[in-house]
Amino acid sequence: MYETIAEDERFLCIHKDPGVDCHTDNGSSGVIRAVQSAYRIRLFPLHRLDKVTSGLLLLAKDRETARSMGELFSAHRIDKFYLALSAKRPRKKQGTVIGDMRRSRRGTWRLERSRENPAVTQFVSRAWSGGKRAFLLRPQSGKTHQLRVALKSLGAPILGDPLYGPRNHSQDRCYLHAMAVSFELDGERYSFWTPPRHGEHFLDPDGSEVLAAWSRPEELAWPRIPGSGQPSWTAGR
């Protein structure tokens, strides 16, 4: 279900496998309960990943750390970076997707043109093997299905996405992976990066060059967020 990537006296950083719930659901044990059982302590989840999404998850070991890191999340001072693959060519290769999220049918969401309380996602992309395209996504908000909806809105739904991808297109997994997280806590800088470990297309050796280029995502130049007053390209924190 998971592997511990890093342990601090205040928090854990784990890698969650795809197909595993964060929380216990319908009788199946979630990954947070499994980690708590292994460490025999109460843990406080700081964010969540969809069941289909693999990758890095942060868990606080005490209430004070949960409060402090929760404030960092609220202030957008914890950077998260996701890797996604699509079999479709996007309408643009880099930029920012902004819009309100509205609930649709079948448990899905859609992106609106309005911007009252918008989901904001910066992205860059590169060619991947087999005619696919790799996306590095940097969410600036934490809306349900935000990244999956953002890529669908670009005409490039995530490969294997059971909700937003082609219904007749079967894959071994949904190709969305929480690859990196970066933040500062009590004056110390933390950066964790873990490439995908599951999925035929993620593990294609021809994609290694792209992964190497994105191994320090917080240092990349990122597209400007319209209306933010940032320059045309802005480096990560």
Foldseek 3Di string as FASTA:
>chain_A
DWAWDDDDPWKTKIKFDAQAFQCDDPNDHGPQVVVCVVVVAHWAWLAGDPNQEIEITMITRDDVSSVVVNVCVVVLQKKWKKKFKFLDDFLDQWAKDKACWDADPPRDIAGDPDHPPIWIKTWHWDAAPPNMIMIIIITSDRDVCSVQNRCVVRVTGTPQDCPRDDVPHHFPGGGMYRAKMWHDDPRRTDIGGDQDDDGPRSPPPRCVVVCVVCVPVQQDWIADDPPPPDPRTHHHD
